[in-house]
C-alpha atoms as a PDB file:
ATOM      1  CA  MET A   1       0.000   0.000   0.000  1.00  0.00           C
ATOM      2  CA  ASN A   2       1.257   3.500  -0.801  1.00  0.00           C
ATOM      3  CA  GLU A   3       1.444   4.971   2.703  1.00  0.00           C
ATOM      4  CA  LEU A   4       1.860   8.599   1.691  1.00  0.00           C
ATOM      5  CA  ALA A   5      -1.114   8.303  -0.637  1.00  0.00           C
ATOM      6  CA  LEU A   6      -3.189   6.850   2.206  1.00  0.00           C
ATOM      7  CA  ALA A   7      -2.247   9.725   4.546  1.00  0.00           C
ATOM      8  CA  LEU A   8      -3.196  12.329   1.941  1.00  0.00           C
ATOM      9  CA  TYR A   9      -6.349  10.488   0.884  1.00  0.00           C
ATOM     10  CA  ALA A  10      -7.577  10.255   4.484  1.00  0.00           C
ATOM     11  CA  ALA A  11      -6.777  13.905   5.169  1.00  0.00           C
ATOM     12  CA  GLY A  12      -8.695  14.982   2.087  1.00  0.00           C
ATOM     13  CA  ARG A  13     -11.768  13.139   3.340  1.00  0.00           C
ATOM     14  CA  ASP A  14     -11.420  14.231   6.978  1.00  0.00           C
ATOM     15  CA  ALA A  15     -11.192  10.589   8.012  1.00  0.00           C
ATOM     16  CA  HIS A  16      -8.942   8.352  10.048  1.00  0.00           C
ATOM     17  CA  ALA A  17      -6.389   6.694   7.755  1.00  0.00           C
ATOM     18  CA  VAL A  18      -7.411   3.101   8.472  1.00  0.00           C
ATOM     19  CA  ASP A  19     -11.098   3.859   7.923  1.00  0.00           C
ATOM     20  CA  ALA A  20     -10.354   5.804   4.755  1.00  0.00           C
ATOM     21  CA  GLY A  21      -8.256   3.007   3.287  1.00  0.00           C
ATOM     22  CA  ALA A  22     -11.109   0.569   3.792  1.00  0.00           C
ATOM     23  CA  ARG A  23     -12.937   2.239   0.896  1.00  0.00           C
ATOM     24  CA  THR A  24     -10.691   0.381  -1.500  1.00  0.00           C
ATOM     25  CA  ARG A  25     -12.284   1.230  -4.873  1.00  0.00           C
ATOM     26  CA  ASP A  26     -12.176   4.962  -4.285  1.00  0.00           C
ATOM     27  CA  PHE A  27      -8.736   4.710  -2.723  1.00  0.00           C
ATOM     28  CA  GLU A  28      -7.342   2.689  -5.622  1.00  0.00           C
ATOM     29  CA  SER A  29      -8.648   5.309  -8.014  1.00  0.00           C
ATOM     30  CA  PHE A  30      -6.865   7.985  -5.941  1.00  0.00           C
ATOM     31  CA  VAL A  31      -3.601   5.994  -5.953  1.00  0.00           C
ATOM     32  CA  ALA A  32      -3.777   5.520  -9.712  1.00  0.00           C
ATOM     33  CA  GLY A  33      -3.446   9.275 -10.210  1.00  0.00           C
ATOM     34  CA  PHE A  34      -1.008   9.881  -7.341  1.00  0.00           C
ATOM     35  CA  ASP A  35       2.574  11.014  -8.071  1.00  0.00           C
ATOM     36  CA  GLU A  36       4.532  10.196  -4.929  1.00  0.00           C
ATOM     37  CA  GLN A  37       7.823  11.735  -6.082  1.00  0.00           C
ATOM     38  CA  ALA A  38       6.135  15.005  -7.011  1.00  0.00           C
ATOM     39  CA  GLU A  39       4.457  15.123  -3.589  1.00  0.00           C
ATOM     40  CA  LEU A  40       7.752  14.434  -1.793  1.00  0.00           C
ATOM     41  CA  ARG A  41       9.380  17.268  -3.729  1.00  0.00           C
ATOM     42  CA  ARG A  42       6.576  19.625  -2.705  1.00  0.00           C
ATOM     43  CA  LEU A  43       7.050  18.680   0.932  1.00  0.00           C
ATOM     44  CA  GLU A  44      10.809  19.111   0.721  1.00  0.00           C
ATOM     45  CA  LEU A  45      10.416  22.628  -0.671  1.00  0.00           C
ATOM     46  CA  VAL A  46       8.668  23.686   2.559  1.00  0.00           C
ATOM     47  CA  GLY A  47      11.067  21.854   4.872  1.00  0.00           C
ATOM     48  CA  ILE A  48       8.861  18.833   5.603  1.00  0.00           C
ATOM     49  CA  ARG A  49       9.987  15.207   5.530  1.00  0.00           C
ATOM     50  CA  TRP A  50       7.892  12.048   5.183  1.00  0.00           C
ATOM     51  CA  LEU A  51       8.679   8.857   7.093  1.00  0.00           C
ATOM     52  CA  GLY A  52       6.510   5.939   5.978  1.00  0.00           C
ATOM     53  CA  ARG A  53       5.575   3.096   8.301  1.00  0.00           C
ATOM     54  CA  SER A  54       7.413   0.579   6.114  1.00  0.00           C
ATOM     55  CA  ASP A  55      10.588   2.691   6.171  1.00  0.00           C
ATOM     56  CA  THR A  56      13.404   1.048   8.122  1.00  0.00           C
ATOM     57  CA  GLY A  57      13.806   4.283  10.094  1.00  0.00           C
ATOM     58  CA  PHE A  58      10.214   4.274  11.358  1.00  0.00           C
ATOM     59  CA  PRO A  59      10.304   4.064  15.199  1.00  0.00           C
ATOM     60  CA  PRO A  60       9.781   0.415  16.270  1.00  0.00           C
ATOM     61  CA  ARG A  61       7.804   1.348  19.402  1.00  0.00           C
ATOM     62  CA  LEU A  62       5.252   3.239  17.326  1.00  0.00           C
ATOM     63  CA  ARG A  63       5.089   0.562  14.643  1.00  0.00           C
ATOM     64  CA  SER A  64       4.195  -1.997  17.316  1.00  0.00           C
ATOM     65  CA  ILE A  65       0.968  -0.307  18.487  1.00  0.00           C
ATOM     66  CA  HIS A  66      -2.313  -1.779  17.299  1.00  0.00           C
ATOM     67  CA  ASP A  67      -3.185   1.230  15.107  1.00  0.00           C
ATOM     68  CA  PRO A  68       0.036   2.847  13.880  1.00  0.00           C
ATOM     69  CA  PRO A  69      -0.248   5.752  11.459  1.00  0.00           C
ATOM     70  CA  PRO A  70       0.663   5.124   7.796  1.00  0.00           C
ATOM     71  CA  GLY A  71       3.590   7.436   8.384  1.00  0.00           C
ATOM     72  CA  LEU A  72       4.745  10.665   9.959  1.00  0.00           C
ATOM     73  CA  PHE A  73       5.355  14.141   8.602  1.00  0.00           C
ATOM     74  CA  LEU A  74       8.391  15.714  10.274  1.00  0.00           C
ATOM     75  CA  ARG A  75       9.915  19.164  10.595  1.00  0.00           C
ATOM     76  CA  GLY A  76      12.864  20.161  12.697  1.00  0.00           C
ATOM     77  CA  GLY A  77      16.614  19.963  13.009  1.00  0.00           C
ATOM     78  CA  ALA A  78      16.856  16.433  14.427  1.00  0.00           C
ATOM     79  CA  THR A  79      17.042  13.306  12.318  1.00  0.00           C
ATOM     80  CA  SER A  80      14.237  10.743  12.424  1.00  0.00           C
ATOM     81  CA  GLU A  81      16.450   8.573  14.663  1.00  0.00           C
ATOM     82  CA  LEU A  82      15.347  10.806  17.550  1.00  0.00           C
ATOM     83  CA  LEU A  83      11.942   9.100  17.405  1.00  0.00           C
ATOM     84  CA  ALA A  84      13.479   5.779  18.469  1.00  0.00           C
ATOM     85  CA  GLU A  85      15.616   7.084  21.320  1.00  0.00           C
ATOM     86  CA  PRO A  86      14.585   6.535  24.970  1.00  0.00           C
ATOM     87  CA  SER A  87      11.697   8.908  25.572  1.00  0.00           C
ATOM     88  CA  VAL A  88       9.060   9.735  28.157  1.00  0.00           C
ATOM     89  CA  ALA A  89       5.704  11.387  27.496  1.00  0.00           C
ATOM     90  CA  ILE A  90       4.654  14.144  29.899  1.00  0.00           C
ATOM     91  CA  VAL A  91       0.981  15.051  29.626  1.00  0.00           C
ATOM     92  CA  GLY A  92      -1.700  16.745  31.672  1.00  0.00           C
ATOM     93  CA  ALA A  93      -4.239  19.505  32.004  1.00  0.00           C
ATOM     94  CA  ARG A  94      -4.271  22.525  29.741  1.00  0.00           C
ATOM     95  CA  ALA A  95      -5.614  24.723  32.547  1.00  0.00           C
ATOM     96  CA  CYS A  96      -3.047  23.485  35.044  1.00  0.00           C
ATOM     97  CA  SER A  97      -2.127  24.910  38.435  1.00  0.00           C
ATOM     98  CA  ASP A  98       1.142  26.695  39.219  1.00  0.00           C
ATOM     99  CA  TYR A  99       2.170  23.534  41.053  1.00  0.00           C
ATOM    100  CA  GLY A 100       1.484  21.367  38.012  1.00  0.00           C
ATOM    101  CA  ALA A 101       3.368  23.764  35.748  1.00  0.00           C
ATOM    102  CA  HIS A 102       6.341  23.697  38.130  1.00  0.00           C
ATOM    103  CA  VAL A 103       6.382  19.885  38.281  1.00  0.00           C
ATOM    104  CA  ALA A 104       6.079  19.474  34.503  1.00  0.00           C
ATOM    105  CA  ARG A 105       8.875  21.950  33.874  1.00  0.00           C
ATOM    106  CA  SER A 106      11.116  20.342  36.497  1.00  0.00           C
ATOM    107  CA  LEU A 107      10.521  16.841  35.102  1.00  0.00           C
ATOM    108  CA  GLY A 108      11.236  18.112  31.590  1.00  0.00           C
ATOM    109  CA  ARG A 109      14.542  19.579  32.754  1.00  0.00           C
ATOM    110  CA  ASP A 110      15.596  16.581  34.816  1.00  0.00           C
ATOM    111  CA  LEU A 111      14.714  14.020  32.138  1.00  0.00           C
ATOM    112  CA  ALA A 112      16.635  16.044  29.562  1.00  0.00           C
ATOM    113  CA  ARG A 113      19.666  16.147  31.857  1.00  0.00           C
ATOM    114  CA  ALA A 114      19.459  12.344  32.012  1.00  0.00           C
ATOM    115  CA  GLY A 115      19.529  12.157  28.212  1.00  0.00           C
ATOM    116  CA  VAL A 116      15.855  11.236  27.843  1.00  0.00           C
ATOM    117  CA  VAL A 117      13.760  12.708  25.029  1.00  0.00           C
ATOM    118  CA  VAL A 118      10.593  14.448  26.244  1.00  0.00           C
ATOM    119  CA  VAL A 119       7.452  13.793  24.179  1.00  0.00           C
ATOM    120  CA  SER A 120       4.302  15.884  24.499  1.00  0.00           C
ATOM    121  CA  GLY A 121       1.548  17.537  22.504  1.00  0.00           C
ATOM    122  CA  LEU A 122       2.498  21.261  22.371  1.00  0.00           C
ATOM    123  CA  ALA A 123      -0.788  22.131  24.108  1.00  0.00           C
ATOM    124  CA  ARG A 124      -1.201  24.842  26.705  1.00  0.00           C
ATOM    125  CA  GLY A 125      -0.524  23.947  30.314  1.00  0.00           C
ATOM    126  CA  ILE A 126       1.402  20.804  31.191  1.00  0.00           C
ATOM    127  CA  ASP A 127       2.498  20.002  27.618  1.00  0.00           C
ATOM    128  CA  GLY A 128       4.055  23.403  27.044  1.00  0.00           C
ATOM    129  CA  CYS A 129       5.767  23.413  30.437  1.00  0.00           C
ATOM    130  CA  ALA A 130       7.309  19.983  29.789  1.00  0.00           C
ATOM    131  CA  HIS A 131       8.682  21.110  26.412  1.00  0.00           C
ATOM    132  CA  ARG A 132      10.050  24.340  27.914  1.00  0.00           C
ATOM    133  CA  GLY A 133      11.739  22.597  30.831  1.00  0.00           C
ATOM    134  CA  CYS A 134      13.507  20.261  28.436  1.00  0.00           C
ATOM    135  CA  LEU A 135      14.620  23.112  26.196  1.00  0.00           C
ATOM    136  CA  GLU A 136      15.919  25.165  29.141  1.00  0.00           C
ATOM    137  CA  VAL A 137      18.770  22.704  29.668  1.00  0.00           C
ATOM    138  CA  GLY A 138      19.483  22.059  25.996  1.00  0.00           C
ATOM    139  CA  GLY A 139      17.487  18.841  25.821  1.00  0.00           C
ATOM    140  CA  ARG A 140      15.699  17.444  22.794  1.00  0.00           C
ATOM    141  CA  THR A 141      11.955  17.213  22.700  1.00  0.00           C
ATOM    142  CA  ILE A 142       9.276  15.972  20.291  1.00  0.00           C
ATOM    143  CA  ALA A 143       5.951  17.771  19.832  1.00  0.00           C
ATOM    144  CA  ILE A 144       3.072  15.756  18.358  1.00  0.00           C
ATOM    145  CA  LEU A 145       0.384  17.791  16.611  1.00  0.00           C
ATOM    146  CA  GLY A 146      -3.323  17.081  16.223  1.00  0.00           C
ATOM    147  CA  CYS A 147      -3.427  19.051  12.961  1.00  0.00           C
ATOM    148  CA  GLY A 148      -1.419  19.473   9.773  1.00  0.00           C
ATOM    149  CA  ILE A 149       2.353  19.479  10.063  1.00  0.00           C
ATOM    150  CA  ASP A 150       2.523  23.050   8.741  1.00  0.00           C
ATOM    151  CA  ARG A 151       0.439  24.489  11.583  1.00  0.00           C
ATOM    152  CA  ASP A 152       1.447  25.496  15.087  1.00  0.00           C
ATOM    153  CA  TYR A 153      -1.493  24.772  17.364  1.00  0.00           C
ATOM    154  CA  PRO A 154      -2.303  26.610  19.497  1.00  0.00           C
ATOM    155  CA  ARG A 155      -1.065  29.719  17.706  1.00  0.00           C
ATOM    156  CA  ALA A 156       0.198  31.094  20.997  1.00  0.00           C
ATOM    157  CA  HIS A 157       2.806  28.310  20.940  1.00  0.00           C
ATOM    158  CA  ALA A 158       4.270  29.180  17.531  1.00  0.00           C
ATOM    159  CA  GLY A 159       7.463  30.398  19.217  1.00  0.00           C
ATOM    160  CA  LEU A 160       7.654  27.256  21.332  1.00  0.00           C
ATOM    161  CA  ALA A 161       7.203  25.107  18.214  1.00  0.00           C
ATOM    162  CA  ARG A 162      10.141  26.903  16.569  1.00  0.00           C
ATOM    163  CA  ASP A 163      12.273  26.261  19.650  1.00  0.00           C
ATOM    164  CA  VAL A 164      11.276  22.574  19.688  1.00  0.00           C
ATOM    165  CA  ALA A 165      12.172  22.263  16.005  1.00  0.00           C
ATOM    166  CA  THR A 166      15.635  23.771  16.476  1.00  0.00           C
ATOM    167  CA  ASN A 167      17.181  20.563  17.851  1.00  0.00           C
ATOM    168  CA  GLY A 168      14.112  18.331  18.114  1.00  0.00           C
ATOM    169  CA  LEU A 169      11.112  17.443  15.987  1.00  0.00           C
ATOM    170  CA  VAL A 170       7.579  18.608  15.367  1.00  0.00           C
ATOM    171  CA  VAL A 171       5.564  15.595  14.186  1.00  0.00           C
ATOM    172  CA  SER A 172       2.129  14.916  12.743  1.00  0.00           C
ATOM    173  CA  GLU A 173       0.400  12.118  10.890  1.00  0.00           C
ATOM    174  CA  TYR A 174      -1.493  14.828   8.984  1.00  0.00           C
ATOM    175  CA  PRO A 175      -0.153  16.596   5.879  1.00  0.00           C
ATOM    176  CA  PRO A 176      -0.004  20.365   5.393  1.00  0.00           C
ATOM    177  CA  GLY A 177      -3.316  22.173   5.338  1.00  0.00           C
ATOM    178  CA  VAL A 178      -5.225  19.942   7.771  1.00  0.00           C
ATOM    179  CA  ALA A 179      -7.122  22.011  10.334  1.00  0.00           C
ATOM    180  CA  PRO A 180      -7.385  21.005  14.008  1.00  0.00           C
ATOM    181  CA  ALA A 181     -10.512  18.985  14.800  1.00  0.00           C
ATOM    182  CA  PRO A 182     -11.712  17.553  18.135  1.00  0.00           C
ATOM    183  CA  TRP A 183     -11.391  13.920  17.010  1.00  0.00           C
ATOM    184  CA  ARG A 184      -7.812  14.391  15.865  1.00  0.00           C
ATOM    185  CA  PHE A 185      -6.469  15.034  19.370  1.00  0.00           C
ATOM    186  CA  PRO A 186      -7.405  11.638  20.879  1.00  0.00           C
ATOM    187  CA  ALA A 187      -5.957  10.113  17.687  1.00  0.00           C
ATOM    188  CA  ARG A 188      -2.796  12.166  18.245  1.00  0.00           C
ATOM    189  CA  ASN A 189      -2.523  10.799  21.779  1.00  0.00           C
ATOM    190  CA  ARG A 190      -1.896   7.258  20.510  1.00  0.00           C
ATOM    191  CA  ILE A 191       1.266   8.575  18.829  1.00  0.00           C
ATOM    192  CA  VAL A 192       2.371  10.350  22.021  1.00  0.00           C
ATOM    193  CA  ALA A 193       1.898   7.105  23.962  1.00  0.00           C
ATOM    194  CA  GLY A 194       3.296   4.935  21.171  1.00  0.00           C
ATOM    195  CA  LEU A 195       6.616   6.746  20.887  1.00  0.00           C
ATOM    196  CA  ALA A 196       7.373   6.754  24.613  1.00  0.00           C
ATOM    197  CA  LEU A 197       8.659   4.127  26.999  1.00  0.00           C
ATOM    198  CA  ALA A 198       6.482   5.614  29.738  1.00  0.00           C
ATOM    199  CA  ALA A 199       3.776   8.228  30.157  1.00  0.00           C
ATOM    200  CA  VAL A 200       3.721  10.620  33.118  1.00  0.00           C
ATOM    201  CA  VAL A 201       0.419  12.338  33.920  1.00  0.00           C
ATOM    202  CA  VAL A 202       1.098  15.465  35.967  1.00  0.00           C
ATOM    203  CA  GLU A 203      -2.413  16.861  36.480  1.00  0.00           C
ATOM    204  CA  ALA A 204      -5.715  15.640  35.038  1.00  0.00           C
ATOM    205  CA  ARG A 205      -9.383  16.056  35.708  1.00  0.00           C
ATOM    206  CA  GLU A 206     -11.689  13.044  35.676  1.00  0.00           C
ATOM    207  CA  ARG A 207     -12.320  13.199  31.916  1.00  0.00           C
ATOM    208  CA  SER A 208      -9.025  14.706  30.817  1.00  0.00           C
ATOM    209  CA  GLY A 209      -7.522  13.890  27.435  1.00  0.00           C
ATOM    210  CA  ALA A 210      -4.332  13.043  29.329  1.00  0.00           C
ATOM    211  CA  LEU A 211      -6.125   9.992  30.725  1.00  0.00           C
ATOM    212  CA  ILE A 212      -6.699   8.818  27.144  1.00  0.00           C
ATOM    213  CA  THR A 213      -2.946   8.894  26.654  1.00  0.00           C
ATOM    214  CA  ALA A 214      -2.491   6.930  29.890  1.00  0.00           C
ATOM    215  CA  ASP A 215      -5.041   4.318  28.789  1.00  0.00           C
ATOM    216  CA  LEU A 216      -3.359   3.964  25.397  1.00  0.00           C
ATOM    217  CA  ALA A 217       0.036   3.591  27.055  1.00  0.00           C
ATOM    218  CA  LEU A 218      -1.330   0.851  29.307  1.00  0.00           C
ATOM    219  CA  GLU A 219      -2.857  -0.955  26.337  1.00  0.00           C
ATOM    220  CA  GLU A 220       0.540  -0.978  24.650  1.00  0.00           C
ATOM    221  CA  GLY A 221       2.338  -2.253  27.737  1.00  0.00           C
ATOM    222  CA  ARG A 222       4.090   1.003  28.545  1.00  0.00           C
ATOM    223  CA  GLU A 223       4.681   2.287  32.047  1.00  0.00           C
ATOM    224  CA  VAL A 224       2.147   4.780  33.390  1.00  0.00           C
ATOM    225  CA  LEU A 225       3.085   7.158  36.188  1.00  0.00           C
ATOM    226  CA  ALA A 226       1.136   9.900  37.927  1.00  0.00           C
ATOM    227  CA  VAL A 227       2.034  12.856  40.118  1.00  0.00           C
ATOM    228  CA  PRO A 228       0.031  12.785  43.369  1.00  0.00           C
ATOM    229  CA  GLY A 229      -2.153  15.816  43.920  1.00  0.00           C
ATOM    230  CA  GLU A 230      -4.252  17.463  46.604  1.00  0.00           C
ATOM    231  CA  ILE A 231      -7.419  15.487  47.251  1.00  0.00           C
ATOM    232  CA  THR A 232      -9.466  18.694  47.376  1.00  0.00           C
ATOM    233  CA  THR A 233      -8.730  19.867  43.816  1.00  0.00           C
ATOM    234  CA  THR A 234     -10.429  18.662  40.644  1.00  0.00           C
ATOM    235  CA  LEU A 235      -7.083  18.848  38.839  1.00  0.00           C
ATOM    236  CA  ALA A 236      -5.897  15.853  40.848  1.00  0.00           C
ATOM    237  CA  LYS A 237      -8.968  13.637  40.491  1.00  0.00           C
ATOM    238  CA  GLY A 238      -7.690  11.958  37.346  1.00  0.00           C
ATOM    239  CA  THR A 239      -4.128  11.472  38.561  1.00  0.00           C
ATOM    240  CA  ASN A 240      -5.168  10.218  41.990  1.00  0.00           C
ATOM    241  CA  ALA A 241      -7.570   7.788  40.301  1.00  0.00           C
ATOM    242  CA  LEU A 242      -4.644   6.458  38.250  1.00  0.00           C
ATOM    243  CA  LEU A 243      -2.674   5.947  41.464  1.00  0.00           C
ATOM    244  CA  ARG A 244      -5.564   3.971  42.972  1.00  0.00           C
ATOM    245  CA  LEU A 245      -5.506   1.754  39.887  1.00  0.00           C
ATOM    246  CA  GLY A 246      -1.811   1.032  40.298  1.00  0.00           C
ATOM    247  CA  ALA A 247       0.045   3.789  38.435  1.00  0.00           C
ATOM    248  CA  VAL A 248       3.541   4.467  39.742  1.00  0.00           C
ATOM    249  CA  PRO A 249       3.619   7.618  41.916  1.00  0.00           C
ATOM    250  CA  VAL A 250       6.120  10.258  40.840  1.00  0.00           C
ATOM    251  CA  THR A 251       7.899  12.043  43.658  1.00  0.00           C
ATOM    252  CA  CYS A 252      11.101  12.827  41.748  1.00  0.00           C
ATOM    253  CA  VAL A 253      12.708  12.187  38.373  1.00  0.00           C
ATOM    254  CA  GLU A 254      14.405   9.074  39.748  1.00  0.00           C
ATOM    255  CA  ASP A 255      10.960   7.411  39.930  1.00  0.00           C
ATOM    256  CA  VAL A 256      10.534   7.970  36.185  1.00  0.00           C
ATOM    257  CA  LEU A 257      14.036   6.860  35.272  1.00  0.00           C
ATOM    258  CA  GLU A 258      13.685   3.700  37.361  1.00  0.00           C
ATOM    259  CA  SER A 259      10.438   2.820  35.580  1.00  0.00           C
ATOM    260  CA  ILE A 260      12.219   2.762  32.203  1.00  0.00           C
ATOM    261  CA  GLY A 261      15.372   1.062  33.491  1.00  0.00           C
ATOM    262  CA  LEU A 262      17.749   4.020  33.425  1.00  0.00           C
ATOM    263  CA  GLU A 263      20.159   5.127  36.105  1.00  0.00           C
ATOM    264  CA  PRO A 264      20.041   8.781  37.153  1.00  0.00           C
ATOM    265  CA  PRO A 265      23.077  10.745  35.959  1.00  0.00           C
ATOM    266  CA  GLU A 266      25.786  11.561  38.446  1.00  0.00           C
ATOM    267  CA  GLN A 267      25.274  15.025  39.861  1.00  0.00           C
ATOM    268  CA  PRO A 268      28.294  17.335  39.922  1.00  0.00           C
ATOM    269  CA  GLU A 269      29.336  18.482  43.349  1.00  0.00           C
ATOM    270  CA  LEU A 270      27.961  21.927  44.045  1.00  0.00           C
ATOM    271  CA  ALA A 271      29.843  24.584  45.944  1.00  0.00           C
ATOM    272  CA  ALA A 272      28.535  25.100  49.448  1.00  0.00           C
ATOM    273  CA  PRO A 273      26.092  28.037  49.577  1.00  0.00           C
ATOM    274  CA  SER A 274      27.098  31.187  51.356  1.00  0.00           C
ATOM    275  CA  PRO A 275      25.699  31.634  54.889  1.00  0.00           C
ATOM    276  CA  GLU A 276      23.098  34.087  53.523  1.00  0.00           C
ATOM    277  CA  ALA A 277      22.079  31.704  50.709  1.00  0.00           C
ATOM    278  CA  ALA A 278      21.810  28.882  53.241  1.00  0.00           C
ATOM    279  CA  GLN A 279      19.467  31.079  55.291  1.00  0.00           C
ATOM    280  CA  VAL A 280      17.310  31.719  52.249  1.00  0.00           C
ATOM    281  CA  LEU A 281      17.164  28.008  51.374  1.00  0.00           C
ATOM    282  CA  ALA A 282      16.212  27.135  54.943  1.00  0.00           C
ATOM    283  CA  ALA A 283      13.418  29.717  54.783  1.00  0.00           C
ATOM    284  CA  VAL A 284      12.161  28.263  51.482  1.00  0.00           C
ATOM    285  CA  ASP A 285      12.149  24.791  53.058  1.00  0.00           C
ATOM    286  CA  GLY A 286      10.242  26.291  55.981  1.00  0.00           C
ATOM    287  CA  GLY A 287       7.433  27.491  53.731  1.00  0.00           C
ATOM    288  CA  ALA A 288       8.428  31.034  52.743  1.00  0.00           C
ATOM    289  CA  SER A 289       7.758  31.530  49.045  1.00  0.00           C
ATOM    290  CA  THR A 290       8.038  35.239  48.174  1.00  0.00           C
ATOM    291  CA  VAL A 291      10.860  37.747  48.445  1.00  0.00           C
ATOM    292  CA  ASP A 292       9.066  39.612  51.248  1.00  0.00           C
ATOM    293  CA  GLN A 293       8.422  36.416  53.203  1.00  0.00           C
ATOM    294  CA  LEU A 294      12.042  35.345  52.770  1.00  0.00           C
ATOM    295  CA  ALA A 295      13.275  38.768  53.867  1.00  0.00           C
ATOM    296  CA  ARG A 296      11.176  38.602  57.050  1.00  0.00           C
ATOM    297  CA  ALA A 297      12.264  35.022  57.760  1.00  0.00           C
ATOM    298  CA  THR A 298      15.979  35.700  57.282  1.00  0.00           C
ATOM    299  CA  GLY A 299      16.315  39.326  58.398  1.00  0.00           C
ATOM    300  CA  LEU A 300      17.972  40.159  55.062  1.00  0.00           C
ATOM    301  CA  SER A 301      16.868  43.073  52.923  1.00  0.00           C
ATOM    302  CA  PRO A 302      14.530  42.328  49.991  1.00  0.00           C
ATOM    303  CA  GLY A 303      17.267  43.466  47.597  1.00  0.00           C
ATOM    304  CA  ALA A 304      19.772  41.063  49.118  1.00  0.00           C
ATOM    305  CA  VAL A 305      17.247  38.205  48.954  1.00  0.00           C
ATOM    306  CA  ALA A 306      16.494  38.992  45.304  1.00  0.00           C
ATOM    307  CA  GLY A 307      20.198  38.870  44.436  1.00  0.00           C
ATOM    308  CA  ILE A 308      20.655  35.548  46.241  1.00  0.00           C
ATOM    309  CA  LEU A 309      17.648  34.088  44.450  1.00  0.00           C
ATOM    310  CA  VAL A 310      19.151  35.005  41.065  1.00  0.00           C
ATOM    311  CA  GLU A 311      22.302  33.047  41.934  1.00  0.00           C
ATOM    312  CA  LEU A 312      20.347  30.089  43.280  1.00  0.00           C
ATOM    313  CA  GLU A 313      18.097  30.014  40.224  1.00  0.00           C
ATOM    314  CA  LEU A 314      21.053  30.137  37.833  1.00  0.00           C
ATOM    315  CA  GLY A 315      22.525  27.216  39.742  1.00  0.00           C
ATOM    316  CA  GLY A 316      19.315  25.213  39.371  1.00  0.00           C
ATOM    317  CA  VAL A 317      18.742  25.121  43.131  1.00  0.00           C
ATOM    318  CA  VAL A 318      15.452  27.015  43.142  1.00  0.00           C
ATOM    319  CA  GLU A 319      12.878  28.080  40.576  1.00  0.00           C
ATOM    320  CA  VAL A 320      11.114  31.441  40.644  1.00  0.00           C
ATOM    321  CA  THR A 321       7.845  31.609  38.740  1.00  0.00           C
ATOM    322  CA  ALA A 322       5.477  34.587  38.914  1.00  0.00           C
ATOM    323  CA  GLY A 323       7.217  35.721  42.122  1.00  0.00           C
ATOM    324  CA  ILE A 324       6.842  32.334  43.840  1.00  0.00           C
ATOM    325  CA  VAL A 325      10.037  30.561  44.938  1.00  0.00           C
ATOM    326  CA  ARG A 326      10.177  26.750  44.881  1.00  0.00           C
ATOM    327  CA  ARG A 327      12.930  24.251  45.431  1.00  0.00           C
END
């Protein structure tokens, strides 16, 4: 079967590729007039590559799922070999909490430092934070779209998509010109789950799309992990339900690395903090989370605390987001 023809045929009929290919008479008529080389040249002119399912470079983990796509459209600076490297999917709520955003970003950074590729869906919230965390430390990340490969969705993440593509990949099973549609995002999730060795759900409501990714990962025998959340928030209902069903709880990146059989990287020895920085860190551990709170807890001036926080943040010891300091 001509896989590129199937992908284009399905997209033109707004149908899932397998369902579209079942209409064999119409499909065979389409294939008869299809010029694959001309189409590949058109894609190349706009910086897009095609990787068919029968290609030897197609990622084995994705090929093994029960409903693999006919192929993938790719854009970005990385080679297609990136798709087969050890990777972890980080998914969760679009309207996430500050806590969820912090955890997703931290996991993205720490997995990247361990040499793991971060896979997510470029969506607002958890997805975007996971991509950004990975990029902050020079890691490589893969963004899976639920629309045509030439679109950045949501538009607000066009800059993030460009950053992902610099050393990573933006991926879609849909050719250029395909608009986002509600049914395409659950379909996209099977690719997110299929590429990864494990899926980590950071925050999810009871009917979150992230839970679809977790279910698909389970069906394919991949590890599913969840970040525990407060029992009083709806954002944790989905993740806490996964934990009740046996998902691995995530308390640190080592939990994720252990689930996929990787050892955490050796951490370089850090210089001992100055007495003032040690005071600030002790205050953060004690619950202080703003510059004013830290100044009151340590007796230092707000300016001095702000300067210390810059040094600690550059050293990766703390993270400051929207004025809130976290370890």
